[in-house]
Amino acid sequence: MFTPFLFLNISGGEVVVILLLVIMFFGANRIPEIARGIGKGIREVRNATEDIKSEINKTSEGSDLRKFKEKVEEEKKQIEEITGSIKRDKF
């Protein structure tokens, strides 16, 4: 059972009190505006993290890395060719 307030150790009554305080402080008309602002902020953070991830992926797919990988594969094939006749039979 997952509850979003589990890590804060807040009970249902305390959540109601917090919501009432928010309504009293900001007013019922401003709550949707505040929620939209929070949603936009979360969306911007999510987009920024996706941009960073895509930039890292583009950088890691660079030609230097590809060349290194190809060189390692060539060396691996050469080692396998040399050691192919030396390999032991499995019992």
N, C-alpha and C. Protein backbone atom coordinates (compact mmCIF):
# COMPACT_ATOMS: atom_id res chain seq x y z
N MET A 1 0.84 -1.17 0.00
CA MET A 1 0.00 0.00 0.00
C MET A 1 0.89 1.24 0.00
N PHE A 2 0.78 2.03 -1.02
CA PHE A 2 1.59 3.24 -1.15
C PHE A 2 0.73 4.46 -0.87
N THR A 3 1.17 5.27 0.04
CA THR A 3 0.52 6.56 0.27
C THR A 3 1.57 7.64 0.08
N PRO A 4 1.22 8.71 -0.61
CA PRO A 4 2.22 9.74 -0.92
C PRO A 4 2.76 10.44 0.32
N PHE A 5 2.04 10.42 1.43
CA PHE A 5 2.49 11.12 2.62
C PHE A 5 3.13 10.17 3.63
N LEU A 6 3.41 8.94 3.22
CA LEU A 6 3.97 7.96 4.13
C LEU A 6 5.32 8.38 4.67
N PHE A 7 6.17 8.93 3.80
CA PHE A 7 7.50 9.32 4.24
C PHE A 7 7.49 10.55 5.13
N LEU A 8 6.41 11.32 5.10
CA LEU A 8 6.30 12.50 5.96
C LEU A 8 5.59 12.18 7.28
N ASN A 9 5.00 10.99 7.37
CA ASN A 9 4.28 10.55 8.56
C ASN A 9 3.13 11.51 8.87
N ILE A 10 2.34 11.84 7.86
CA ILE A 10 1.21 12.75 8.01
C ILE A 10 -0.07 11.92 7.90
N SER A 11 -0.97 12.10 8.86
CA SER A 11 -2.23 11.36 8.83
C SER A 11 -3.27 12.11 8.00
N GLY A 12 -4.42 11.48 7.81
CA GLY A 12 -5.49 12.08 7.01
C GLY A 12 -6.01 13.37 7.60
N GLY A 13 -6.15 13.42 8.93
CA GLY A 13 -6.63 14.64 9.58
C GLY A 13 -5.68 15.80 9.39
N GLU A 14 -4.40 15.51 9.45
CA GLU A 14 -3.41 16.57 9.25
C GLU A 14 -3.42 17.09 7.83
N VAL A 15 -3.68 16.21 6.86
CA VAL A 15 -3.77 16.64 5.46
C VAL A 15 -4.96 17.58 5.29
N VAL A 16 -6.08 17.26 5.93
CA VAL A 16 -7.27 18.11 5.83
C VAL A 16 -6.98 19.48 6.43
N VAL A 17 -6.31 19.52 7.56
CA VAL A 17 -5.97 20.80 8.20
C VAL A 17 -5.06 21.61 7.28
N ILE A 18 -4.08 20.95 6.66
CA ILE A 18 -3.18 21.66 5.75
C ILE A 18 -3.95 22.22 4.56
N LEU A 19 -4.86 21.43 4.00
CA LEU A 19 -5.67 21.91 2.87
C LEU A 19 -6.54 23.09 3.27
N LEU A 20 -7.13 23.05 4.45
CA LEU A 20 -7.94 24.18 4.92
C LEU A 20 -7.08 25.44 5.10
N LEU A 21 -5.88 25.28 5.62
CA LEU A 21 -4.98 26.43 5.77
C LEU A 21 -4.59 27.01 4.42
N VAL A 22 -4.36 26.13 3.44
CA VAL A 22 -4.02 26.61 2.09
C VAL A 22 -5.18 27.39 1.50
N ILE A 23 -6.39 26.87 1.67
CA ILE A 23 -7.58 27.57 1.14
C ILE A 23 -7.76 28.91 1.84
N MET A 24 -7.54 28.95 3.15
CA MET A 24 -7.70 30.21 3.88
C MET A 24 -6.63 31.22 3.49
N PHE A 25 -5.41 30.75 3.29
CA PHE A 25 -4.31 31.65 3.00
C PHE A 25 -4.36 32.18 1.57
N PHE A 26 -4.59 31.29 0.60
CA PHE A 26 -4.57 31.70 -0.80
C PHE A 26 -5.95 32.00 -1.36
N GLY A 27 -6.97 31.44 -0.82
CA GLY A 27 -8.31 31.62 -1.34
C GLY A 27 -8.64 30.55 -2.36
N ALA A 28 -9.90 30.23 -2.47
CA ALA A 28 -10.33 29.14 -3.36
C ALA A 28 -10.10 29.48 -4.83
N ASN A 29 -10.12 30.75 -5.19
CA ASN A 29 -9.95 31.14 -6.59
C ASN A 29 -8.51 30.98 -7.08
N ARG A 30 -7.54 31.09 -6.19
CA ARG A 30 -6.13 31.03 -6.60
C ARG A 30 -5.55 29.62 -6.60
N ILE A 31 -6.24 28.67 -5.99
CA ILE A 31 -5.71 27.31 -5.91
C ILE A 31 -5.50 26.68 -7.29
N PRO A 32 -6.46 26.79 -8.23
CA PRO A 32 -6.20 26.23 -9.57
C PRO A 32 -5.01 26.90 -10.27
N GLU A 33 -4.85 28.20 -10.06
CA GLU A 33 -3.73 28.92 -10.65
C GLU A 33 -2.41 28.42 -10.06
N ILE A 34 -2.37 28.20 -8.77
CA ILE A 34 -1.16 27.69 -8.12
C ILE A 34 -0.87 26.28 -8.62
N ALA A 35 -1.90 25.45 -8.75
CA ALA A 35 -1.72 24.08 -9.22
C ALA A 35 -1.17 24.07 -10.66
N ARG A 36 -1.69 24.96 -11.51
CA ARG A 36 -1.17 25.06 -12.88
C ARG A 36 0.30 25.47 -12.88
N GLY A 37 0.64 26.43 -12.02
CA GLY A 37 2.04 26.87 -11.93
C GLY A 37 2.96 25.74 -11.48
N ILE A 38 2.51 24.96 -10.51
CA ILE A 38 3.31 23.82 -10.06
C ILE A 38 3.44 22.80 -11.17
N GLY A 39 2.34 22.54 -11.89
CA GLY A 39 2.38 21.60 -13.02
C GLY A 39 3.34 22.05 -14.11
N LYS A 40 3.32 23.33 -14.43
CA LYS A 40 4.26 23.86 -15.44
C LYS A 40 5.70 23.72 -14.98
N GLY A 41 5.93 23.99 -13.70
CA GLY A 41 7.29 23.85 -13.16
C GLY A 41 7.78 22.42 -13.24
N ILE A 42 6.92 21.47 -12.89
CA ILE A 42 7.30 20.06 -12.97
C ILE A 42 7.56 19.66 -14.41
N ARG A 43 6.72 20.13 -15.33
CA ARG A 43 6.91 19.83 -16.74
C ARG A 43 8.22 20.38 -17.27
N GLU A 44 8.57 21.60 -16.86
CA GLU A 44 9.84 22.20 -17.30
C GLU A 44 11.04 21.42 -16.78
N VAL A 45 10.96 20.97 -15.53
CA VAL A 45 12.04 20.17 -14.97
C VAL A 45 12.16 18.85 -15.72
N ARG A 46 11.03 18.23 -16.02
CA ARG A 46 11.03 16.97 -16.75
C ARG A 46 11.61 17.15 -18.16
N ASN A 47 11.22 18.22 -18.83
CA ASN A 47 11.76 18.50 -20.17
C ASN A 47 13.26 18.77 -20.11
N ALA A 48 13.70 19.48 -19.10
CA ALA A 48 15.13 19.77 -18.97
C ALA A 48 15.92 18.49 -18.75
N THR A 49 15.40 17.58 -17.93
CA THR A 49 16.11 16.33 -17.71
C THR A 49 16.14 15.48 -18.97
N GLU A 50 15.06 15.49 -19.75
CA GLU A 50 15.04 14.75 -21.02
C GLU A 50 16.05 15.35 -22.00
N ASP A 51 16.16 16.68 -22.03
CA ASP A 51 17.15 17.33 -22.90
C ASP A 51 18.57 16.94 -22.50
N ILE A 52 18.81 16.90 -21.21
CA ILE A 52 20.15 16.52 -20.73
C ILE A 52 20.45 15.07 -21.09
N LYS A 53 19.47 14.19 -20.90
CA LYS A 53 19.65 12.78 -21.25
C LYS A 53 19.94 12.61 -22.74
N SER A 54 19.18 13.30 -23.57
CA SER A 54 19.38 13.17 -25.02
C SER A 54 20.74 13.72 -25.43
N GLU A 55 21.17 14.80 -24.80
CA GLU A 55 22.49 15.37 -25.11
C GLU A 55 23.61 14.40 -24.72
N ILE A 56 23.46 13.76 -23.57
CA ILE A 56 24.45 12.77 -23.14
C ILE A 56 24.48 11.60 -24.10
N ASN A 57 23.30 11.14 -24.52
CA ASN A 57 23.25 10.03 -25.47
C ASN A 57 23.86 10.40 -26.81
N LYS A 58 23.63 11.61 -27.28
CA LYS A 58 24.21 12.04 -28.55
C LYS A 58 25.73 12.10 -28.44
N THR A 59 26.22 12.60 -27.32
CA THR A 59 27.65 12.70 -27.12
C THR A 59 28.30 11.33 -27.02
N SER A 60 27.63 10.40 -26.34
CA SER A 60 28.21 9.07 -26.17
C SER A 60 28.21 8.26 -27.45
N GLU A 61 27.38 8.64 -28.41
CA GLU A 61 27.33 7.95 -29.69
C GLU A 61 28.31 8.56 -30.69
N GLY A 62 29.23 9.34 -30.22
CA GLY A 62 30.19 10.02 -31.08
C GLY A 62 31.09 9.07 -31.82
N SER A 63 31.77 9.59 -32.81
CA SER A 63 32.62 8.76 -33.67
C SER A 63 33.81 8.19 -32.92
N ASP A 64 34.34 8.90 -31.93
CA ASP A 64 35.48 8.39 -31.17
C ASP A 64 35.12 7.11 -30.44
N LEU A 65 33.96 7.11 -29.81
CA LEU A 65 33.51 5.93 -29.09
C LEU A 65 33.25 4.77 -30.05
N ARG A 66 32.65 5.09 -31.19
CA ARG A 66 32.37 4.06 -32.19
C ARG A 66 33.67 3.45 -32.72
N LYS A 67 34.67 4.29 -32.99
CA LYS A 67 35.96 3.79 -33.47
C LYS A 67 36.63 2.91 -32.42
N PHE A 68 36.57 3.32 -31.18
CA PHE A 68 37.15 2.52 -30.10
C PHE A 68 36.47 1.16 -30.00
N LYS A 69 35.14 1.17 -30.09
CA LYS A 69 34.38 -0.08 -30.01
C LYS A 69 34.76 -1.00 -31.17
N GLU A 70 34.89 -0.46 -32.37
CA GLU A 70 35.26 -1.27 -33.53
C GLU A 70 36.66 -1.85 -33.36
N LYS A 71 37.57 -1.07 -32.81
CA LYS A 71 38.94 -1.55 -32.58
C LYS A 71 38.96 -2.67 -31.56
N VAL A 72 38.19 -2.53 -30.51
CA VAL A 72 38.10 -3.58 -29.49
C VAL A 72 37.52 -4.86 -30.10
N GLU A 73 36.51 -4.73 -30.94
CA GLU A 73 35.91 -5.91 -31.59
C GLU A 73 36.93 -6.60 -32.50
N GLU A 74 37.72 -5.82 -33.23
CA GLU A 74 38.75 -6.40 -34.10
C GLU A 74 39.77 -7.18 -33.28
N GLU A 75 40.22 -6.59 -32.18
CA GLU A 75 41.18 -7.26 -31.32
C GLU A 75 40.58 -8.53 -30.73
N LYS A 76 39.34 -8.48 -30.37
CA LYS A 76 38.66 -9.65 -29.81
C LYS A 76 38.61 -10.78 -30.83
N LYS A 77 38.29 -10.45 -32.07
CA LYS A 77 38.25 -11.48 -33.12
C LYS A 77 39.62 -12.09 -33.35
N GLN A 78 40.66 -11.25 -33.34
CA GLN A 78 42.02 -11.77 -33.53
C GLN A 78 42.41 -12.70 -32.40
N ILE A 79 42.07 -12.34 -31.18
CA ILE A 79 42.39 -13.20 -30.03
C ILE A 79 41.63 -14.51 -30.13
N GLU A 80 40.38 -14.45 -30.54
CA GLU A 80 39.59 -15.68 -30.68
C GLU A 80 40.15 -16.58 -31.77
N GLU A 81 40.66 -15.99 -32.85
CA GLU A 81 41.27 -16.78 -33.92
C GLU A 81 42.53 -17.49 -33.42
N ILE A 82 43.33 -16.78 -32.64
CA ILE A 82 44.57 -17.36 -32.13
C ILE A 82 44.28 -18.45 -31.09
N THR A 83 43.36 -18.19 -30.20
CA THR A 83 43.09 -19.13 -29.11
C THR A 83 42.08 -20.20 -29.48
N GLY A 84 41.53 -20.14 -30.67
CA GLY A 84 40.52 -21.12 -31.07
C GLY A 84 41.05 -22.54 -31.05
N SER A 85 42.27 -22.75 -31.47
CA SER A 85 42.83 -24.10 -31.49
C SER A 85 43.31 -24.53 -30.12
N ILE A 86 43.46 -23.63 -29.19
CA ILE A 86 43.97 -23.95 -27.86
C ILE A 86 42.84 -24.28 -26.89
N LYS A 87 41.62 -23.90 -27.18
CA LYS A 87 40.52 -24.10 -26.27
C LYS A 87 40.37 -25.59 -25.92
N ARG A 88 40.03 -25.85 -24.67
CA ARG A 88 39.85 -27.22 -24.21
C ARG A 88 38.42 -27.68 -24.48
N ASP A 89 38.27 -28.94 -24.67
CA ASP A 89 36.95 -29.52 -24.80
C ASP A 89 36.32 -29.60 -23.43
N LYS A 90 35.02 -29.36 -23.38
CA LYS A 90 34.30 -29.44 -22.10
C LYS A 90 33.96 -30.90 -21.82
N PHE A 91 34.05 -31.28 -20.57
CA PHE A 91 33.79 -32.68 -20.20
C PHE A 91 32.33 -32.97 -20.16
